[in-house]
């Protein structure tokens, strides 16, 4: 699974920061840094987009990015947000112990990271 860029996210419009930009946000790239805590599966995720940081807390943005990645992510703290880049984080569940696991989460993470 490879993410095709750019793609758009339709915001819910419920950010607590009075976001007044367009409801459609274009995402041009996502970078994932999993080296911070490999044992826990913690990943720092930066999402490059074409609007301001005030999209922070919009309830549709995180689920849309999670859907593209195949694992759940959420915004980090407000002070880490920048215009054009959403700071997010997620935890990848450890690979399950079942024989021949083929879930998207386990089978495709190497493709997402590379």
PDB file of N, CA and C in Angstrom:
ATOM      1  N   UNK A   1       0.841  -1.181   0.000  1.00  0.00           N
ATOM      2  CA  UNK A   1       0.000   0.000   0.000  1.00  0.00           C
ATOM      3  C   UNK A   1       0.883   1.240   0.000  1.00  0.00           C
ATOM      4  N   UNK A   2       0.750   2.027  -1.026  1.00  0.00           N
ATOM      5  CA  UNK A   2       1.454   3.299  -1.058  1.00  0.00           C
ATOM      6  C   UNK A   2       0.432   4.406  -1.137  1.00  0.00           C
ATOM      7  N   UNK A   3       0.715   5.479  -0.431  1.00  0.00           N
ATOM      8  CA  UNK A   3      -0.190   6.627  -0.442  1.00  0.00           C
ATOM      9  C   UNK A   3       0.089   7.448  -1.689  1.00  0.00           C
ATOM     10  N   UNK A   4      -0.960   7.807  -2.397  1.00  0.00           N
ATOM     11  CA  UNK A   4      -0.815   8.636  -3.597  1.00  0.00           C
ATOM     12  C   UNK A   4      -1.039  10.090  -3.218  1.00  0.00           C
ATOM     13  N   UNK A   5      -0.043  10.907  -3.486  1.00  0.00           N
ATOM     14  CA  UNK A   5      -0.109  12.340  -3.189  1.00  0.00           C
ATOM     15  C   UNK A   5      -0.301  13.123  -4.479  1.00  0.00           C
ATOM     16  N   UNK A   6      -0.903  14.269  -4.389  1.00  0.00           N
ATOM     17  CA  UNK A   6      -1.611  14.802  -3.233  1.00  0.00           C
ATOM     18  C   UNK A   6      -2.986  14.153  -3.106  1.00  0.00           C
ATOM     19  N   UNK A   7      -3.567  14.274  -1.915  1.00  0.00           N
ATOM     20  CA  UNK A   7      -4.947  13.875  -1.695  1.00  0.00           C
ATOM     21  C   UNK A   7      -5.608  14.932  -0.821  1.00  0.00           C
ATOM     22  N   UNK A   8      -6.929  14.942  -0.823  1.00  0.00           N
ATOM     23  CA  UNK A   8      -7.635  15.961  -0.047  1.00  0.00           C
ATOM     24  C   UNK A   8      -8.349  15.336   1.149  1.00  0.00           C
ATOM     25  N   UNK A   9      -8.494  16.168   2.179  1.00  0.00           N
ATOM     26  CA  UNK A   9      -9.242  15.814   3.380  1.00  0.00           C
ATOM     27  C   UNK A   9     -10.340  16.859   3.539  1.00  0.00           C
ATOM     28  N   UNK A  10     -11.559  16.408   3.714  1.00  0.00           N
ATOM     29  CA  UNK A  10     -12.662  17.325   3.985  1.00  0.00           C
ATOM     30  C   UNK A  10     -12.788  17.476   5.493  1.00  0.00           C
ATOM     31  N   UNK A  11     -12.598  18.695   5.958  1.00  0.00           N
ATOM     32  CA  UNK A  11     -12.655  18.975   7.390  1.00  0.00           C
ATOM     33  C   UNK A  11     -14.083  18.994   7.897  1.00  0.00           C
ATOM     34  N   UNK A  12     -14.246  18.729   9.182  1.00  0.00           N
ATOM     35  CA  UNK A  12     -15.559  18.794   9.824  1.00  0.00           C
ATOM     36  C   UNK A  12     -15.947  20.242  10.126  1.00  0.00           C
ATOM     37  N   UNK A  13     -14.947  21.119  10.239  1.00  0.00           N
ATOM     38  CA  UNK A  13     -15.219  22.520  10.534  1.00  0.00           C
ATOM     39  C   UNK A  13     -15.453  22.786  12.013  1.00  0.00           C
ATOM     40  N   UNK A  14     -14.977  21.877  12.878  1.00  0.00           N
ATOM     41  CA  UNK A  14     -15.231  22.032  14.308  1.00  0.00           C
ATOM     42  C   UNK A  14     -13.976  22.303  15.137  1.00  0.00           C
ATOM     43  N   UNK A  15     -12.929  22.814  14.509  1.00  0.00           N
ATOM     44  CA  UNK A  15     -11.719  23.161  15.251  1.00  0.00           C
ATOM     45  C   UNK A  15     -12.036  24.215  16.304  1.00  0.00           C
ATOM     46  N   UNK A  16     -11.456  24.078  17.478  1.00  0.00           N
ATOM     47  CA  UNK A  16     -11.691  25.064  18.538  1.00  0.00           C
ATOM     48  C   UNK A  16     -10.891  26.348  18.314  1.00  0.00           C
ATOM     49  N   UNK A  17     -10.091  26.399  17.261  1.00  0.00           N
ATOM     50  CA  UNK A  17      -9.213  27.541  17.006  1.00  0.00           C
ATOM     51  C   UNK A  17      -9.765  28.479  15.945  1.00  0.00           C
ATOM     52  N   UNK A  18     -11.055  28.435  15.700  1.00  0.00           N
ATOM     53  CA  UNK A  18     -11.715  29.356  14.759  1.00  0.00           C
ATOM     54  C   UNK A  18     -11.105  29.329  13.368  1.00  0.00           C
ATOM     55  N   UNK A  19     -10.825  28.130  12.885  1.00  0.00           N
ATOM     56  CA  UNK A  19     -10.308  27.981  11.525  1.00  0.00           C
ATOM     57  C   UNK A  19     -11.333  28.519  10.535  1.00  0.00           C
ATOM     58  N   UNK A  20     -10.883  29.392   9.624  1.00  0.00           N
ATOM     59  CA  UNK A  20     -11.788  29.993   8.641  1.00  0.00           C
ATOM     60  C   UNK A  20     -11.384  29.695   7.197  1.00  0.00           C
ATOM     61  N   UNK A  21     -10.423  28.801   7.019  1.00  0.00           N
ATOM     62  CA  UNK A  21      -9.959  28.474   5.673  1.00  0.00           C
ATOM     63  C   UNK A  21     -10.891  27.518   4.955  1.00  0.00           C
ATOM     64  N   UNK A  22     -10.439  27.014   3.823  1.00  0.00           N
ATOM     65  CA  UNK A  22     -11.266  26.099   3.029  1.00  0.00           C
ATOM     66  C   UNK A  22     -11.542  24.789   3.756  1.00  0.00           C
ATOM     67  N   UNK A  23     -12.695  24.190   3.464  1.00  0.00           N
ATOM     68  CA  UNK A  23     -13.061  22.907   4.073  1.00  0.00           C
ATOM     69  C   UNK A  23     -12.263  21.749   3.475  1.00  0.00           C
ATOM     70  N   UNK A  24     -11.766  21.924   2.271  1.00  0.00           N
ATOM     71  CA  UNK A  24     -10.944  20.895   1.633  1.00  0.00           C
ATOM     72  C   UNK A  24      -9.479  21.271   1.806  1.00  0.00           C
ATOM     73  N   UNK A  25      -8.722  20.393   2.445  1.00  0.00           N
ATOM     74  CA  UNK A  25      -7.301  20.602   2.686  1.00  0.00           C
ATOM     75  C   UNK A  25      -6.530  19.582   1.857  1.00  0.00           C
ATOM     76  N   UNK A  26      -5.512  20.048   1.152  1.00  0.00           N
ATOM     77  CA  UNK A  26      -4.700  19.151   0.341  1.00  0.00           C
ATOM     78  C   UNK A  26      -3.479  18.712   1.132  1.00  0.00           C
ATOM     79  N   UNK A  27      -3.278  17.405   1.208  1.00  0.00           N
ATOM     80  CA  UNK A  27      -2.117  16.820   1.874  1.00  0.00           C
ATOM     81  C   UNK A  27      -1.115  16.447   0.792  1.00  0.00           C
ATOM     82  N   UNK A  28       0.118  16.952   0.938  1.00  0.00           N
ATOM     83  CA  UNK A  28       1.133  16.704  -0.085  1.00  0.00           C
ATOM     84  C   UNK A  28       2.162  15.659   0.319  1.00  0.00           C
ATOM     85  N   UNK A  29       2.275  15.357   1.625  1.00  0.00           N
ATOM     86  CA  UNK A  29       3.235  14.349   2.056  1.00  0.00           C
ATOM     87  C   UNK A  29       2.987  14.000   3.523  1.00  0.00           C
ATOM     88  N   UNK A  30       3.350  12.789   3.881  1.00  0.00           N
ATOM     89  CA  UNK A  30       3.317  12.349   5.272  1.00  0.00           C
ATOM     90  C   UNK A  30       4.655  11.684   5.566  1.00  0.00           C
ATOM     91  N   UNK A  31       5.301  12.125   6.649  1.00  0.00           N
ATOM     92  CA  UNK A  31       6.536  11.475   7.078  1.00  0.00           C
ATOM     93  C   UNK A  31       6.306  10.843   8.439  1.00  0.00           C
ATOM     94  N   UNK A  32       6.930   9.690   8.631  1.00  0.00           N
ATOM     95  CA  UNK A  32       6.767   8.935   9.866  1.00  0.00           C
ATOM     96  C   UNK A  32       8.145   8.659  10.455  1.00  0.00           C
ATOM     97  N   UNK A  33       8.315   8.990  11.726  1.00  0.00           N
ATOM     98  CA  UNK A  33       9.549   8.685  12.437  1.00  0.00           C
ATOM     99  C   UNK A  33       9.205   7.690  13.532  1.00  0.00           C
ATOM    100  N   UNK A  34       9.606   6.441  13.336  1.00  0.00           N
ATOM    101  CA  UNK A  34       9.311   5.402  14.314  1.00  0.00           C
ATOM    102  C   UNK A  34      10.513   5.106  15.195  1.00  0.00           C
ATOM    103  N   UNK A  35      11.591   5.851  15.026  1.00  0.00           N
ATOM    104  CA  UNK A  35      12.815   5.562  15.770  1.00  0.00           C
ATOM    105  C   UNK A  35      12.778   6.084  17.200  1.00  0.00           C
ATOM    106  N   UNK A  36      11.766   6.869  17.556  1.00  0.00           N
ATOM    107  CA  UNK A  36      11.726   7.478  18.886  1.00  0.00           C
ATOM    108  C   UNK A  36      11.509   6.461  19.988  1.00  0.00           C
ATOM    109  N   UNK A  37      10.697   5.466  19.763  1.00  0.00           N
ATOM    110  CA  UNK A  37      10.414   4.445  20.766  1.00  0.00           C
ATOM    111  C   UNK A  37       9.947   3.179  20.058  1.00  0.00           C
ATOM    112  N   UNK A  38      10.887   2.501  19.432  1.00  0.00           N
ATOM    113  CA  UNK A  38      10.545   1.333  18.627  1.00  0.00           C
ATOM    114  C   UNK A  38       9.890   0.223  19.432  1.00  0.00           C
ATOM    115  N   UNK A  39      10.234   0.117  20.711  1.00  0.00           N
ATOM    116  CA  UNK A  39       9.676  -0.959  21.530  1.00  0.00           C
ATOM    117  C   UNK A  39       8.175  -0.812  21.740  1.00  0.00           C
ATOM    118  N   UNK A  40       7.695   0.409  21.871  1.00  0.00           N
ATOM    119  CA  UNK A  40       6.272   0.649  22.096  1.00  0.00           C
ATOM    120  C   UNK A  40       5.488   0.809  20.801  1.00  0.00           C
ATOM    121  N   UNK A  41       6.157   0.919  19.676  1.00  0.00           N
ATOM    122  CA  UNK A  41       5.477   1.147  18.414  1.00  0.00           C
ATOM    123  C   UNK A  41       5.073   2.593  18.208  1.00  0.00           C
ATOM    124  N   UNK A  42       5.578   3.511  19.056  1.00  0.00           N
ATOM    125  CA  UNK A  42       5.239   4.932  18.954  1.00  0.00           C
ATOM    126  C   UNK A  42       5.816   5.520  17.672  1.00  0.00           C
ATOM    127  N   UNK A  43       5.021   6.327  17.011  1.00  0.00           N
ATOM    128  CA  UNK A  43       5.457   6.969  15.770  1.00  0.00           C
ATOM    129  C   UNK A  43       5.091   8.442  15.779  1.00  0.00           C
ATOM    130  N   UNK A  44       6.044   9.271  15.425  1.00  0.00           N
ATOM    131  CA  UNK A  44       5.823  10.697  15.217  1.00  0.00           C
ATOM    132  C   UNK A  44       5.460  10.858  13.742  1.00  0.00           C
ATOM    133  N   UNK A  45       4.355  11.529  13.474  1.00  0.00           N
ATOM    134  CA  UNK A  45       3.840  11.652  12.111  1.00  0.00           C
ATOM    135  C   UNK A  45       3.686  13.131  11.779  1.00  0.00           C
ATOM    136  N   UNK A  46       4.313  13.563  10.695  1.00  0.00           N
ATOM    137  CA  UNK A  46       4.168  14.940  10.219  1.00  0.00           C
ATOM    138  C   UNK A  46       3.418  14.925   8.902  1.00  0.00           C
ATOM    139  N   UNK A  47       2.356  15.718   8.849  1.00  0.00           N
ATOM    140  CA  UNK A  47       1.489  15.751   7.675  1.00  0.00           C
ATOM    141  C   UNK A  47       1.591  17.135   7.033  1.00  0.00           C
ATOM    142  N   UNK A  48       2.169  17.183   5.834  1.00  0.00           N
ATOM    143  CA  UNK A  48       2.279  18.448   5.114  1.00  0.00           C
ATOM    144  C   UNK A  48       0.962  18.743   4.416  1.00  0.00           C
ATOM    145  N   UNK A  49       0.446  19.955   4.626  1.00  0.00           N
ATOM    146  CA  UNK A  49      -0.842  20.355   4.057  1.00  0.00           C
ATOM    147  C   UNK A  49      -0.791  21.806   3.605  1.00  0.00           C
ATOM    148  N   UNK A  50      -1.855  22.272   2.986  1.00  0.00           N
ATOM    149  CA  UNK A  50      -1.841  23.597   2.357  1.00  0.00           C
ATOM    150  C   UNK A  50      -2.646  24.647   3.109  1.00  0.00           C
ATOM    151  N   UNK A  51      -2.700  24.557   4.428  1.00  0.00           N
ATOM    152  CA  UNK A  51      -3.459  25.563   5.166  1.00  0.00           C
ATOM    153  C   UNK A  51      -2.771  25.892   6.489  1.00  0.00           C
ATOM    154  N   UNK A  52      -3.479  26.542   7.384  1.00  0.00           N
ATOM    155  CA  UNK A  52      -2.897  27.013   8.635  1.00  0.00           C
ATOM    156  C   UNK A  52      -3.012  25.977   9.749  1.00  0.00           C
ATOM    157  N   UNK A  53      -2.298  26.230  10.818  1.00  0.00           N
ATOM    158  CA  UNK A  53      -2.294  25.311  11.956  1.00  0.00           C
ATOM    159  C   UNK A  53      -3.643  25.253  12.670  1.00  0.00           C
ATOM    160  N   UNK A  54      -4.523  26.221  12.410  1.00  0.00           N
ATOM    161  CA  UNK A  54      -5.797  26.266  13.107  1.00  0.00           C
ATOM    162  C   UNK A  54      -6.727  25.095  12.803  1.00  0.00           C
ATOM    163  N   UNK A  55      -6.334  24.208  11.888  1.00  0.00           N
ATOM    164  CA  UNK A  55      -7.115  22.986  11.693  1.00  0.00           C
ATOM    165  C   UNK A  55      -6.954  22.047  12.891  1.00  0.00           C
ATOM    166  N   UNK A  56      -5.995  22.373  13.759  1.00  0.00           N
ATOM    167  CA  UNK A  56      -5.753  21.590  14.970  1.00  0.00           C
ATOM    168  C   UNK A  56      -7.064  21.383  15.729  1.00  0.00           C
ATOM    169  N   UNK A  57      -7.337  20.180  16.082  1.00  0.00           N
ATOM    170  CA  UNK A  57      -8.535  19.675  16.774  1.00  0.00           C
ATOM    171  C   UNK A  57      -9.714  19.393  15.846  1.00  0.00           C
ATOM    172  N   UNK A  58      -9.624  19.666  14.552  1.00  0.00           N
ATOM    173  CA  UNK A  58     -10.732  19.322  13.661  1.00  0.00           C
ATOM    174  C   UNK A  58     -10.936  17.808  13.727  1.00  0.00           C
ATOM    175  N   UNK A  59     -12.153  17.402  13.990  1.00  0.00           N
ATOM    176  CA  UNK A  59     -12.442  15.988  14.254  1.00  0.00           C
ATOM    177  C   UNK A  59     -12.372  15.088  13.022  1.00  0.00           C
ATOM    178  N   UNK A  60     -12.302  15.637  11.825  1.00  0.00           N
ATOM    179  CA  UNK A  60     -12.237  14.808  10.621  1.00  0.00           C
ATOM    180  C   UNK A  60     -10.810  14.579  10.134  1.00  0.00           C
ATOM    181  N   UNK A  61      -9.889  15.454  10.526  1.00  0.00           N
ATOM    182  CA  UNK A  61      -8.532  15.371   9.988  1.00  0.00           C
ATOM    183  C   UNK A  61      -7.808  14.109  10.450  1.00  0.00           C
ATOM    184  N   UNK A  62      -7.774  13.855  11.738  1.00  0.00           N
ATOM    185  CA  UNK A  62      -7.081  12.674  12.264  1.00  0.00           C
ATOM    186  C   UNK A  62      -7.590  11.363  11.693  1.00  0.00           C
ATOM    187  N   UNK A  63      -8.910  11.146  11.691  1.00  0.00           N
ATOM    188  CA  UNK A  63      -9.418   9.904  11.107  1.00  0.00           C
ATOM    189  C   UNK A  63      -9.078   9.751   9.617  1.00  0.00           C
ATOM    190  N   UNK A  64      -9.061  10.850   8.867  1.00  0.00           N
ATOM    191  CA  UNK A  64      -8.717  10.756   7.444  1.00  0.00           C
ATOM    192  C   UNK A  64      -7.259  10.333   7.263  1.00  0.00           C
ATOM    193  N   UNK A  65      -6.369  10.888   8.079  1.00  0.00           N
ATOM    194  CA  UNK A  65      -4.954  10.514   7.990  1.00  0.00           C
ATOM    195  C   UNK A  65      -4.780   9.079   8.483  1.00  0.00           C
ATOM    196  N   UNK A  66      -5.458   8.714   9.553  1.00  0.00           N
ATOM    197  CA  UNK A  66      -5.403   7.340  10.069  1.00  0.00           C
ATOM    198  C   UNK A  66      -5.821   6.342   9.000  1.00  0.00           C
ATOM    199  N   UNK A  67      -6.863   6.676   8.267  1.00  0.00           N
ATOM    200  CA  UNK A  67      -7.353   5.801   7.214  1.00  0.00           C
ATOM    201  C   UNK A  67      -6.291   5.584   6.129  1.00  0.00           C
ATOM    202  N   UNK A  68      -5.600   6.642   5.773  1.00  0.00           N
ATOM    203  CA  UNK A  68      -4.547   6.520   4.755  1.00  0.00           C
ATOM    204  C   UNK A  68      -3.375   5.679   5.253  1.00  0.00           C
ATOM    205  N   UNK A  69      -3.045   5.825   6.538  1.00  0.00           N
ATOM    206  CA  UNK A  69      -1.885   5.129   7.087  1.00  0.00           C
ATOM    207  C   UNK A  69      -2.177   3.687   7.489  1.00  0.00           C
ATOM    208  N   UNK A  70      -3.411   3.402   7.864  1.00  0.00           N
ATOM    209  CA  UNK A  70      -3.743   2.066   8.317  1.00  0.00           C
ATOM    210  C   UNK A  70      -3.534   1.868   9.811  1.00  0.00           C
ATOM    211  N   UNK A  71      -3.283   2.947  10.543  1.00  0.00           N
ATOM    212  CA  UNK A  71      -3.217   2.899  12.003  1.00  0.00           C
ATOM    213  C   UNK A  71      -3.652   4.252  12.534  1.00  0.00           C
ATOM    214  N   UNK A  72      -4.116   4.270  13.781  1.00  0.00           N
ATOM    215  CA  UNK A  72      -4.688   5.486  14.355  1.00  0.00           C
ATOM    216  C   UNK A  72      -3.621   6.507  14.716  1.00  0.00           C
ATOM    217  N   UNK A  73      -3.880   7.761  14.327  1.00  0.00           N
ATOM    218  CA  UNK A  73      -3.039   8.881  14.723  1.00  0.00           C
ATOM    219  C   UNK A  73      -3.922   9.981  15.290  1.00  0.00           C
ATOM    220  N   UNK A  74      -3.314  10.834  16.071  1.00  0.00           N
ATOM    221  CA  UNK A  74      -4.019  11.990  16.620  1.00  0.00           C
ATOM    222  C   UNK A  74      -3.043  13.153  16.684  1.00  0.00           C
ATOM    223  N   UNK A  75      -3.592  14.356  16.804  1.00  0.00           N
ATOM    224  CA  UNK A  75      -2.754  15.537  16.907  1.00  0.00           C
ATOM    225  C   UNK A  75      -1.897  15.473  18.175  1.00  0.00           C
ATOM    226  N   UNK A  76      -0.679  16.000  18.083  1.00  0.00           N
ATOM    227  CA  UNK A  76       0.134  16.219  19.272  1.00  0.00           C
ATOM    228  C   UNK A  76      -0.337  17.528  19.888  1.00  0.00           C
ATOM    229  N   UNK A  77       0.414  18.087  20.810  1.00  0.00           N
ATOM    230  CA  UNK A  77      -0.024  19.305  21.486  1.00  0.00           C
ATOM    231  C   UNK A  77      -0.052  20.518  20.560  1.00  0.00           C
ATOM    232  N   UNK A  78      -0.838  21.506  20.922  1.00  0.00           N
ATOM    233  CA  UNK A  78      -1.065  22.690  20.091  1.00  0.00           C
ATOM    234  C   UNK A  78       0.236  23.408  19.735  1.00  0.00           C
ATOM    235  N   UNK A  79       1.158  23.505  20.666  1.00  0.00           N
ATOM    236  CA  UNK A  79       2.407  24.218  20.418  1.00  0.00           C
ATOM    237  C   UNK A  79       3.300  23.580  19.370  1.00  0.00           C
ATOM    238  N   UNK A  80       3.013  22.352  18.968  1.00  0.00           N
ATOM    239  CA  UNK A  80       3.812  21.666  17.953  1.00  0.00           C
ATOM    240  C   UNK A  80       3.222  21.826  16.551  1.00  0.00           C
ATOM    241  N   UNK A  81       2.092  22.497  16.437  1.00  0.00           N
ATOM    242  CA  UNK A  81       1.443  22.672  15.135  1.00  0.00           C
ATOM    243  C   UNK A  81       2.050  23.871  14.403  1.00  0.00           C
ATOM    244  N   UNK A  82       2.195  23.769  13.106  1.00  0.00           N
ATOM    245  CA  UNK A  82       2.711  24.849  12.262  1.00  0.00           C
ATOM    246  C   UNK A  82       1.818  25.017  11.050  1.00  0.00           C
ATOM    247  N   UNK A  83       1.815  26.215  10.501  1.00  0.00           N
ATOM    248  CA  UNK A  83       1.160  26.403   9.211  1.00  0.00           C
ATOM    249  C   UNK A  83       1.806  25.444   8.221  1.00  0.00           C
ATOM    250  N   UNK A  84       1.001  24.684   7.517  1.00  0.00           N
ATOM    251  CA  UNK A  84       1.505  23.765   6.505  1.00  0.00           C
ATOM    252  C   UNK A  84       1.970  22.414   7.013  1.00  0.00           C
ATOM    253  N   UNK A  85       1.969  22.194   8.326  1.00  0.00           N
ATOM    254  CA  UNK A  85       2.421  20.904   8.847  1.00  0.00           C
ATOM    255  C   UNK A  85       1.695  20.554  10.135  1.00  0.00           C
ATOM    256  N   UNK A  86       0.915  19.480  10.096  1.00  0.00           N
ATOM    257  CA  UNK A  86       0.230  18.991  11.283  1.00  0.00           C
ATOM    258  C   UNK A  86       1.136  17.985  11.981  1.00  0.00           C
ATOM    259  N   UNK A  87       1.409  18.226  13.251  1.00  0.00           N
ATOM    260  CA  UNK A  87       2.185  17.305  14.067  1.00  0.00           C
ATOM    261  C   UNK A  87       1.209  16.311  14.685  1.00  0.00           C
ATOM    262  N   UNK A  88       1.452  15.030  14.400  1.00  0.00           N
ATOM    263  CA  UNK A  88       0.559  13.981  14.878  1.00  0.00           C
ATOM    264  C   UNK A  88       1.393  12.845  15.448  1.00  0.00           C
ATOM    265  N   UNK A  89       0.724  11.919  16.121  1.00  0.00           N
ATOM    266  CA  UNK A  89       1.413  10.766  16.684  1.00  0.00           C
ATOM    267  C   UNK A  89       0.470   9.576  16.698  1.00  0.00           C
ATOM    268  N   UNK A  90       1.077   8.413  16.739  1.00  0.00           N
ATOM    269  CA  UNK A  90       0.286   7.202  16.805  1.00  0.00           C
ATOM    270  C   UNK A  90       1.104   6.063  17.356  1.00  0.00           C
ATOM    271  N   UNK A  91       0.432   5.010  17.682  1.00  0.00           N
ATOM    272  CA  UNK A  91       1.103   3.813  18.179  1.00  0.00           C
ATOM    273  C   UNK A  91       0.637   2.636  17.341  1.00  0.00           C
ATOM    274  N   UNK A  92       1.578   1.967  16.762  1.00  0.00           N
ATOM    275  CA  UNK A  92       1.274   0.777  15.982  1.00  0.00           C
ATOM    276  C   UNK A  92       1.211  -0.403  16.934  1.00  0.00           C
ATOM    277  N   UNK A  93       0.115  -1.129  16.882  1.00  0.00           N
ATOM    278  CA  UNK A  93      -0.009  -2.295  17.755  1.00  0.00           C
ATOM    279  C   UNK A  93       1.080  -3.294  17.391  1.00  0.00           C
ATOM    280  N   UNK A  94       1.619  -3.986  18.407  1.00  0.00           N
ATOM    281  CA  UNK A  94       2.616  -5.006  18.097  1.00  0.00           C
ATOM    282  C   UNK A  94       2.018  -6.063  17.173  1.00  0.00           C
ATOM    283  N   UNK A  95       2.859  -6.630  16.357  1.00  0.00           N
ATOM    284  CA  UNK A  95       2.380  -7.649  15.432  1.00  0.00           C
ATOM    285  C   UNK A  95       1.748  -8.793  16.211  1.00  0.00           C
ATOM    286  N   UNK A  96       0.611  -9.231  15.736  1.00  0.00           N
ATOM    287  CA  UNK A  96      -0.077 -10.274  16.474  1.00  0.00           C
ATOM    288  C   UNK A  96       0.679 -11.600  16.356  1.00  0.00           C
ATOM    289  N   UNK A  97       0.387 -12.496  17.261  1.00  0.00           N
ATOM    290  CA  UNK A  97       1.102 -13.764  17.330  1.00  0.00           C
ATOM    291  C   UNK A  97       0.490 -14.831  16.424  1.00  0.00           C
ATOM    292  N   UNK A  98      -0.577 -14.480  15.726  1.00  0.00           N
ATOM    293  CA  UNK A  98      -1.214 -15.510  14.903  1.00  0.00           C
ATOM    294  C   UNK A  98      -0.325 -15.910  13.726  1.00  0.00           C
ATOM    295  N   UNK A  99      -0.451 -17.115  13.327  1.00  0.00           N
ATOM    296  CA  UNK A  99       0.325 -17.615  12.198  1.00  0.00           C
ATOM    297  C   UNK A  99      -0.210 -17.018  10.900  1.00  0.00           C
ATOM    298  N   UNK A 100       0.670 -16.477  10.097  1.00  0.00           N
ATOM    299  CA  UNK A 100       0.286 -15.974   8.791  1.00  0.00           C
ATOM    300  C   UNK A 100      -0.556 -14.712   8.823  1.00  0.00           C
ATOM    301  N   UNK A 101      -0.346 -13.868   9.807  1.00  0.00           N
ATOM    302  CA  UNK A 101      -1.133 -12.636   9.913  1.00  0.00           C
ATOM    303  C   UNK A 101      -0.986 -11.814   8.636  1.00  0.00           C
ATOM    304  N   UNK A 102      -2.101 -11.400   8.080  1.00  0.00           N
ATOM    305  CA  UNK A 102      -2.058 -10.611   6.848  1.00  0.00           C
ATOM    306  C   UNK A 102      -2.846  -9.316   6.985  1.00  0.00           C
ATOM    307  N   UNK A 103      -3.068  -8.874   8.214  1.00  0.00           N
ATOM    308  CA  UNK A 103      -3.813  -7.637   8.370  1.00  0.00           C
ATOM    309  C   UNK A 103      -3.034  -6.498   7.750  1.00  0.00           C
ATOM    310  N   UNK A 104      -3.734  -5.500   7.259  1.00  0.00           N
ATOM    311  CA  UNK A 104      -3.116  -4.344   6.629  1.00  0.00           C
ATOM    312  C   UNK A 104      -2.096  -3.713   7.572  1.00  0.00           C
ATOM    313  N   UNK A 105      -2.466  -3.590   8.820  1.00  0.00           N
ATOM    314  CA  UNK A 105      -1.616  -2.934   9.800  1.00  0.00           C
ATOM    315  C   UNK A 105      -0.258  -3.617   9.888  1.00  0.00           C
ATOM    316  N   UNK A 106      -0.232  -4.937   9.838  1.00  0.00           N
ATOM    317  CA  UNK A 106       1.017  -5.666  10.011  1.00  0.00           C
ATOM    318  C   UNK A 106       1.725  -5.913   8.700  1.00  0.00           C
ATOM    319  N   UNK A 107       1.002  -6.141   7.654  1.00  0.00           N
ATOM    320  CA  UNK A 107       1.606  -6.510   6.394  1.00  0.00           C
ATOM    321  C   UNK A 107       2.183  -5.335   5.620  1.00  0.00           C
ATOM    322  N   UNK A 108       1.666  -4.133   5.838  1.00  0.00           N
ATOM    323  CA  UNK A 108       2.031  -3.020   4.972  1.00  0.00           C
ATOM    324  C   UNK A 108       2.829  -1.913   5.627  1.00  0.00           C
ATOM    325  N   UNK A 109       3.177  -2.024   6.895  1.00  0.00           N
ATOM    326  CA  UNK A 109       3.842  -0.911   7.549  1.00  0.00           C
ATOM    327  C   UNK A 109       5.186  -0.587   6.920  1.00  0.00           C
ATOM    328  N   UNK A 110       5.933  -1.601   6.460  1.00  0.00           N
ATOM    329  CA  UNK A 110       7.217  -1.317   5.813  1.00  0.00           C
ATOM    330  C   UNK A 110       7.039  -0.475   4.561  1.00  0.00           C
ATOM    331  N   UNK A 111       5.988  -0.725   3.796  1.00  0.00           N
ATOM    332  CA  UNK A 111       5.740   0.083   2.604  1.00  0.00           C
ATOM    333  C   UNK A 111       5.374   1.515   2.965  1.00  0.00           C
ATOM    334  N   UNK A 112       4.626   1.685   4.042  1.00  0.00           N
ATOM    335  CA  UNK A 112       4.253   3.032   4.468  1.00  0.00           C
ATOM    336  C   UNK A 112       5.484   3.807   4.898  1.00  0.00           C
ATOM    337  N   UNK A 113       6.367   3.144   5.631  1.00  0.00           N
ATOM    338  CA  UNK A 113       7.542   3.833   6.163  1.00  0.00           C
ATOM    339  C   UNK A 113       8.586   4.100   5.095  1.00  0.00           C
ATOM    340  N   UNK A 114       8.584   3.367   4.021  1.00  0.00           N
ATOM    341  CA  UNK A 114       9.633   3.546   3.013  1.00  0.00           C
ATOM    342  C   UNK A 114       9.136   4.176   1.792  1.00  0.00           C
TER     343      UNK A 114
END
